């Protein structure tokens, strides 16, 4: 990482993102966590670590990270491919959801490799798409315009915008209010705001370790999303629940004041969050006990935040041969914050009873099926 030998200056967040008040209570700290969710060719000595400390708002119950990584560090390299069958289905269903509202001039925030843009433009031949993304992949489609950068108050539209679209972006925002205000500013009255978010309340319930981290710095549950939308005068016109993975929202800009009353979730979310943390610690302790008893090769699936969290929680890595991952961009590199190199899943073909640690949240079933198609003798530790 380019700033590996320089001190990391963190951004202090000491006010609730919901109320703006300093009525915060510390709930949990994960120590010595890597700041970069990706893979690297650089030596491990250059890796940067810091603590992840979370507090809860005493008034609203929202949980948030206390110290933030500067955005230019956090997203300094492309690392979001959204691979696999579940993501493909997500993108297809979200494009179908978007198409129900017929926007022709679409602005996407954080469109990554423009996959959804390509899919939508096939359905809507009169449409044009602009993608603003900090680490974009160029597109040769003449109906797609790619802009390199962050979406913020300085962004100016160059023409009409029927709909602002984003997928799994809102939960990455340090200030959801400011983000939504900027979207509101771009749209004409009645303009559409259509987006997908992870169902973080469900993730917390199921113990997914990608629920909160340096990128998901706010526990942005559906309850709080509804509040932020109403506060910024976006009227929700339709929701769709995509498995237990995501929630699709369609909202419309309005000049009317909406109901922003918010009951406190303090007791509920504090209890659930601490139970979530205890459960993940128990899971890692159980995995470690199983690793010790394993005689053959052990692998860890996923060169991503799931695996980094396991290591932060004390996963014993000395017996892990490689990390397995489907991303060609990651293969041959090292998972940041660890000494583990990445290989494709095909690496285990022909091996006798390989053991794979599999803690990948909603993607477990499709990955298990893939691994079993490569090597039926694989043993999974979950």
Foldseek 3Di string as FASTA:
>chain_A
DVCLPPDFDWDFDQADLQPRHNQKAWQDKQAFFFLEWAFDFDDQSSTDTGMFTWIARPFAGKIFTGIAGPPCVHPVDDHDDQDDDLSVVVLVVLLVVVVVVPWAEEEEEACAACPSVVVNCVVRVNHAYEYEHQHHDDDPPPRYHYHHDHDFQPDDDPDAHQEYEYEQQCLQDPRNLRVLLSVLVRHDAFGKYKYKHFQLVLCLVVLAQVSDDNRSRINCHPLNVVLSCLQSQWAWDDWDDDDNTMIITITGHHPDRGDNDGGHCNVVNSVSNVVSVVVLLVLLVVVQVVLVVDDDAEEEEDLGDSVSVSVSSPRDCPRHAAYEYQDPVQAQTGRRPDRHHYHHLLVCAPPAAYEYEDRHPPCRPRVVVVNCVRPVNYHYRD
